Amino acid sequence: MVARCVRVTGRVQGVFFRAWTCEQAQGLHVTGWVRNCPDGSVEAHVEGDEGSVEQLIGKMHDGPPGAQVAELQVSDASTEALSSFEIRH
């Protein structure tokens, strides 16, 4: 089990990035959360088996149709033992 903190910048708000990330995470059996930040970026906490987490991060680098990801920063995080993936406000 690994956990990562992901910050995505670019055109990532108003393009369903959070809903899309949640859907992708659920399909990969990754738990965690995603939220919009006041600076216009999107932040996510993702955890699960390393392969699935890395797959999700790879998908987030491209984002949903309409998104334009400028930068994706990833750092290690502590696991939170979450049971699902949710959109936080």
N, C-alpha and C. Protein backbone atom coordinates (compact mmCIF):
# COMPACT_ATOMS: atom_id res chain seq x y z
N MET A 1 0.85 -1.18 0.00
CA MET A 1 0.00 0.00 0.00
C MET A 1 0.89 1.24 0.00
N VAL A 2 0.64 2.12 -0.97
CA VAL A 2 1.38 3.38 -1.05
C VAL A 2 0.37 4.53 -1.09
N ALA A 3 0.83 5.71 -0.74
CA ALA A 3 -0.01 6.91 -0.80
C ALA A 3 0.80 8.04 -1.43
N ARG A 4 0.13 8.84 -2.23
CA ARG A 4 0.77 9.97 -2.90
C ARG A 4 -0.13 11.19 -2.81
N CYS A 5 0.50 12.35 -2.68
CA CYS A 5 -0.19 13.62 -2.79
C CYS A 5 0.10 14.15 -4.19
N VAL A 6 -0.94 14.54 -4.91
CA VAL A 6 -0.80 14.98 -6.29
C VAL A 6 -1.39 16.38 -6.41
N ARG A 7 -0.62 17.31 -7.00
CA ARG A 7 -1.13 18.65 -7.30
C ARG A 7 -1.03 18.86 -8.80
N VAL A 8 -2.15 19.24 -9.40
CA VAL A 8 -2.24 19.41 -10.85
C VAL A 8 -2.55 20.88 -11.14
N THR A 9 -1.75 21.48 -12.02
CA THR A 9 -1.98 22.86 -12.41
C THR A 9 -2.26 22.94 -13.90
N GLY A 10 -2.82 24.05 -14.31
CA GLY A 10 -3.20 24.26 -15.70
C GLY A 10 -4.69 24.55 -15.76
N ARG A 11 -5.31 24.19 -16.86
CA ARG A 11 -6.76 24.34 -16.98
C ARG A 11 -7.40 23.07 -16.43
N VAL A 12 -7.59 23.04 -15.12
CA VAL A 12 -8.05 21.82 -14.46
C VAL A 12 -9.29 22.03 -13.60
N GLN A 13 -9.78 23.25 -13.52
CA GLN A 13 -11.04 23.50 -12.83
C GLN A 13 -12.08 23.89 -13.88
N GLY A 14 -13.31 23.46 -13.66
CA GLY A 14 -14.38 23.75 -14.60
C GLY A 14 -14.41 22.82 -15.80
N VAL A 15 -13.64 21.73 -15.74
CA VAL A 15 -13.58 20.77 -16.85
C VAL A 15 -13.87 19.34 -16.35
N PHE A 16 -14.54 19.25 -15.20
CA PHE A 16 -14.93 17.96 -14.61
C PHE A 16 -13.73 17.11 -14.19
N PHE A 17 -12.60 17.77 -13.87
CA PHE A 17 -11.40 17.03 -13.49
C PHE A 17 -11.63 16.20 -12.23
N ARG A 18 -12.31 16.77 -11.23
CA ARG A 18 -12.54 16.01 -9.99
C ARG A 18 -13.42 14.79 -10.22
N ALA A 19 -14.53 14.97 -10.93
CA ALA A 19 -15.44 13.85 -11.18
C ALA A 19 -14.75 12.78 -12.02
N TRP A 20 -13.99 13.20 -13.00
CA TRP A 20 -13.26 12.27 -13.86
C TRP A 20 -12.22 11.50 -13.04
N THR A 21 -11.48 12.20 -12.17
CA THR A 21 -10.48 11.55 -11.33
C THR A 21 -11.13 10.52 -10.41
N CYS A 22 -12.26 10.87 -9.83
CA CYS A 22 -12.98 9.95 -8.96
C CYS A 22 -13.38 8.69 -9.72
N GLU A 23 -13.89 8.86 -10.91
CA GLU A 23 -14.30 7.72 -11.74
C GLU A 23 -13.10 6.84 -12.09
N GLN A 24 -11.99 7.45 -12.46
CA GLN A 24 -10.79 6.69 -12.81
C GLN A 24 -10.27 5.93 -11.58
N ALA A 25 -10.26 6.59 -10.43
CA ALA A 25 -9.77 5.96 -9.20
C ALA A 25 -10.62 4.76 -8.83
N GLN A 26 -11.93 4.91 -8.92
CA GLN A 26 -12.82 3.80 -8.57
C GLN A 26 -12.58 2.61 -9.49
N GLY A 27 -12.35 2.88 -10.77
CA GLY A 27 -12.08 1.80 -11.72
C GLY A 27 -10.78 1.06 -11.44
N LEU A 28 -9.84 1.76 -10.79
CA LEU A 28 -8.54 1.15 -10.46
C LEU A 28 -8.48 0.66 -9.02
N HIS A 29 -9.58 0.79 -8.29
CA HIS A 29 -9.66 0.40 -6.87
C HIS A 29 -8.65 1.17 -6.02
N VAL A 30 -8.53 2.46 -6.33
CA VAL A 30 -7.68 3.37 -5.57
C VAL A 30 -8.59 4.18 -4.66
N THR A 31 -8.17 4.39 -3.41
CA THR A 31 -8.95 5.19 -2.47
C THR A 31 -8.29 6.56 -2.30
N GLY A 32 -9.04 7.49 -1.71
CA GLY A 32 -8.50 8.81 -1.45
C GLY A 32 -9.53 9.89 -1.69
N TRP A 33 -9.05 11.06 -2.09
CA TRP A 33 -9.94 12.19 -2.33
C TRP A 33 -9.30 13.16 -3.32
N VAL A 34 -10.15 14.05 -3.85
CA VAL A 34 -9.69 15.08 -4.79
C VAL A 34 -10.48 16.35 -4.49
N ARG A 35 -9.82 17.52 -4.62
CA ARG A 35 -10.50 18.78 -4.36
C ARG A 35 -9.88 19.91 -5.17
N ASN A 36 -10.69 20.94 -5.42
CA ASN A 36 -10.20 22.16 -6.04
C ASN A 36 -9.51 22.99 -4.97
N CYS A 37 -8.46 23.70 -5.36
CA CYS A 37 -7.75 24.60 -4.46
C CYS A 37 -8.02 26.05 -4.87
N PRO A 38 -7.94 26.97 -3.93
CA PRO A 38 -8.21 28.38 -4.24
C PRO A 38 -7.30 28.97 -5.32
N ASP A 39 -6.11 28.42 -5.50
CA ASP A 39 -5.18 28.96 -6.50
C ASP A 39 -5.46 28.45 -7.92
N GLY A 40 -6.54 27.68 -8.09
CA GLY A 40 -6.91 27.17 -9.42
C GLY A 40 -6.37 25.79 -9.73
N SER A 41 -5.58 25.23 -8.83
CA SER A 41 -5.07 23.87 -9.03
C SER A 41 -6.04 22.85 -8.46
N VAL A 42 -5.74 21.59 -8.70
CA VAL A 42 -6.50 20.48 -8.12
C VAL A 42 -5.52 19.66 -7.30
N GLU A 43 -5.93 19.27 -6.10
CA GLU A 43 -5.10 18.46 -5.21
C GLU A 43 -5.79 17.13 -4.96
N ALA A 44 -5.01 16.07 -4.91
CA ALA A 44 -5.58 14.75 -4.64
C ALA A 44 -4.68 13.98 -3.70
N HIS A 45 -5.30 13.15 -2.90
CA HIS A 45 -4.59 12.16 -2.07
C HIS A 45 -5.04 10.82 -2.61
N VAL A 46 -4.09 10.02 -3.08
CA VAL A 46 -4.43 8.72 -3.67
C VAL A 46 -3.64 7.63 -2.97
N GLU A 47 -4.31 6.52 -2.71
CA GLU A 47 -3.61 5.39 -2.07
C GLU A 47 -4.17 4.07 -2.55
N GLY A 48 -3.30 3.09 -2.54
CA GLY A 48 -3.66 1.75 -2.98
C GLY A 48 -2.39 0.99 -3.33
N ASP A 49 -2.53 -0.08 -4.12
CA ASP A 49 -1.32 -0.79 -4.50
C ASP A 49 -0.53 0.09 -5.48
N GLU A 50 0.77 -0.04 -5.46
CA GLU A 50 1.63 0.87 -6.19
C GLU A 50 1.31 0.96 -7.68
N GLY A 51 1.04 -0.18 -8.30
CA GLY A 51 0.74 -0.19 -9.73
C GLY A 51 -0.50 0.61 -10.06
N SER A 52 -1.55 0.45 -9.28
CA SER A 52 -2.81 1.17 -9.52
C SER A 52 -2.64 2.66 -9.26
N VAL A 53 -1.93 3.02 -8.21
CA VAL A 53 -1.68 4.43 -7.90
C VAL A 53 -0.90 5.08 -9.04
N GLU A 54 0.13 4.40 -9.53
CA GLU A 54 0.92 4.96 -10.63
C GLU A 54 0.10 5.07 -11.91
N GLN A 55 -0.80 4.12 -12.15
CA GLN A 55 -1.69 4.20 -13.32
C GLN A 55 -2.59 5.42 -13.22
N LEU A 56 -3.16 5.66 -12.04
CA LEU A 56 -4.03 6.81 -11.86
C LEU A 56 -3.26 8.11 -12.06
N ILE A 57 -2.07 8.19 -11.50
CA ILE A 57 -1.26 9.40 -11.66
C ILE A 57 -0.94 9.63 -13.14
N GLY A 58 -0.65 8.57 -13.86
CA GLY A 58 -0.41 8.69 -15.30
C GLY A 58 -1.62 9.23 -16.03
N LYS A 59 -2.80 8.76 -15.66
CA LYS A 59 -4.03 9.25 -16.28
C LYS A 59 -4.26 10.72 -15.94
N MET A 60 -3.96 11.10 -14.69
CA MET A 60 -4.15 12.48 -14.26
C MET A 60 -3.22 13.44 -15.01
N HIS A 61 -2.11 12.94 -15.48
CA HIS A 61 -1.18 13.78 -16.23
C HIS A 61 -1.83 14.28 -17.52
N ASP A 62 -2.71 13.47 -18.10
CA ASP A 62 -3.44 13.87 -19.30
C ASP A 62 -4.77 14.53 -18.95
N GLY A 63 -5.46 14.00 -17.96
CA GLY A 63 -6.73 14.56 -17.54
C GLY A 63 -7.86 14.24 -18.50
N PRO A 64 -9.06 14.73 -18.16
CA PRO A 64 -10.23 14.48 -18.99
C PRO A 64 -10.22 15.38 -20.23
N PRO A 65 -11.09 15.09 -21.20
CA PRO A 65 -11.22 15.99 -22.35
C PRO A 65 -11.55 17.40 -21.85
N GLY A 66 -10.91 18.39 -22.40
CA GLY A 66 -11.14 19.77 -21.99
C GLY A 66 -10.12 20.29 -21.01
N ALA A 67 -9.43 19.39 -20.32
CA ALA A 67 -8.38 19.82 -19.39
C ALA A 67 -7.09 20.06 -20.16
N GLN A 68 -6.29 20.97 -19.63
CA GLN A 68 -4.94 21.20 -20.16
C GLN A 68 -4.00 21.20 -18.97
N VAL A 69 -3.38 20.07 -18.71
CA VAL A 69 -2.49 19.93 -17.56
C VAL A 69 -1.14 20.58 -17.90
N ALA A 70 -0.77 21.57 -17.10
CA ALA A 70 0.52 22.24 -17.28
C ALA A 70 1.61 21.53 -16.49
N GLU A 71 1.27 21.15 -15.26
CA GLU A 71 2.27 20.51 -14.40
C GLU A 71 1.57 19.58 -13.43
N LEU A 72 2.23 18.49 -13.09
CA LEU A 72 1.72 17.53 -12.13
C LEU A 72 2.85 17.25 -11.15
N GLN A 73 2.64 17.59 -9.89
CA GLN A 73 3.63 17.36 -8.84
C GLN A 73 3.16 16.21 -7.96
N VAL A 74 4.06 15.29 -7.69
CA VAL A 74 3.73 14.11 -6.89
C VAL A 74 4.71 14.02 -5.73
N SER A 75 4.18 13.78 -4.54
CA SER A 75 5.03 13.55 -3.38
C SER A 75 4.47 12.39 -2.57
N ASP A 76 5.34 11.73 -1.82
CA ASP A 76 4.89 10.65 -0.95
C ASP A 76 4.00 11.21 0.15
N ALA A 77 3.07 10.41 0.60
CA ALA A 77 2.15 10.81 1.67
C ALA A 77 1.94 9.63 2.62
N SER A 78 1.41 9.92 3.77
CA SER A 78 1.06 8.87 4.72
C SER A 78 -0.30 8.30 4.34
N THR A 79 -0.45 7.00 4.50
CA THR A 79 -1.74 6.39 4.19
C THR A 79 -2.76 6.82 5.24
N GLU A 80 -4.00 6.97 4.79
CA GLU A 80 -5.09 7.38 5.67
C GLU A 80 -6.10 6.26 5.87
N ALA A 81 -5.83 5.08 5.30
CA ALA A 81 -6.71 3.91 5.42
C ALA A 81 -8.15 4.25 5.05
N LEU A 82 -8.31 4.93 3.92
CA LEU A 82 -9.64 5.31 3.44
C LEU A 82 -10.30 4.11 2.76
N SER A 83 -11.63 4.09 2.76
CA SER A 83 -12.33 2.95 2.19
C SER A 83 -12.93 3.24 0.81
N SER A 84 -12.86 4.50 0.37
CA SER A 84 -13.42 4.86 -0.93
C SER A 84 -12.67 6.07 -1.49
N PHE A 85 -13.09 6.52 -2.66
CA PHE A 85 -12.53 7.74 -3.25
C PHE A 85 -13.65 8.76 -3.33
N GLU A 86 -13.39 9.97 -2.87
CA GLU A 86 -14.45 10.97 -2.80
C GLU A 86 -13.99 12.32 -3.32
N ILE A 87 -14.94 13.13 -3.70
CA ILE A 87 -14.70 14.52 -4.07
C ILE A 87 -14.92 15.35 -2.82
N ARG A 88 -13.92 16.14 -2.47
CA ARG A 88 -14.05 17.03 -1.31
C ARG A 88 -14.26 18.45 -1.79
N HIS A 89 -14.97 19.21 -0.98
CA HIS A 89 -15.26 20.61 -1.33
C HIS A 89 -14.63 21.54 -0.33
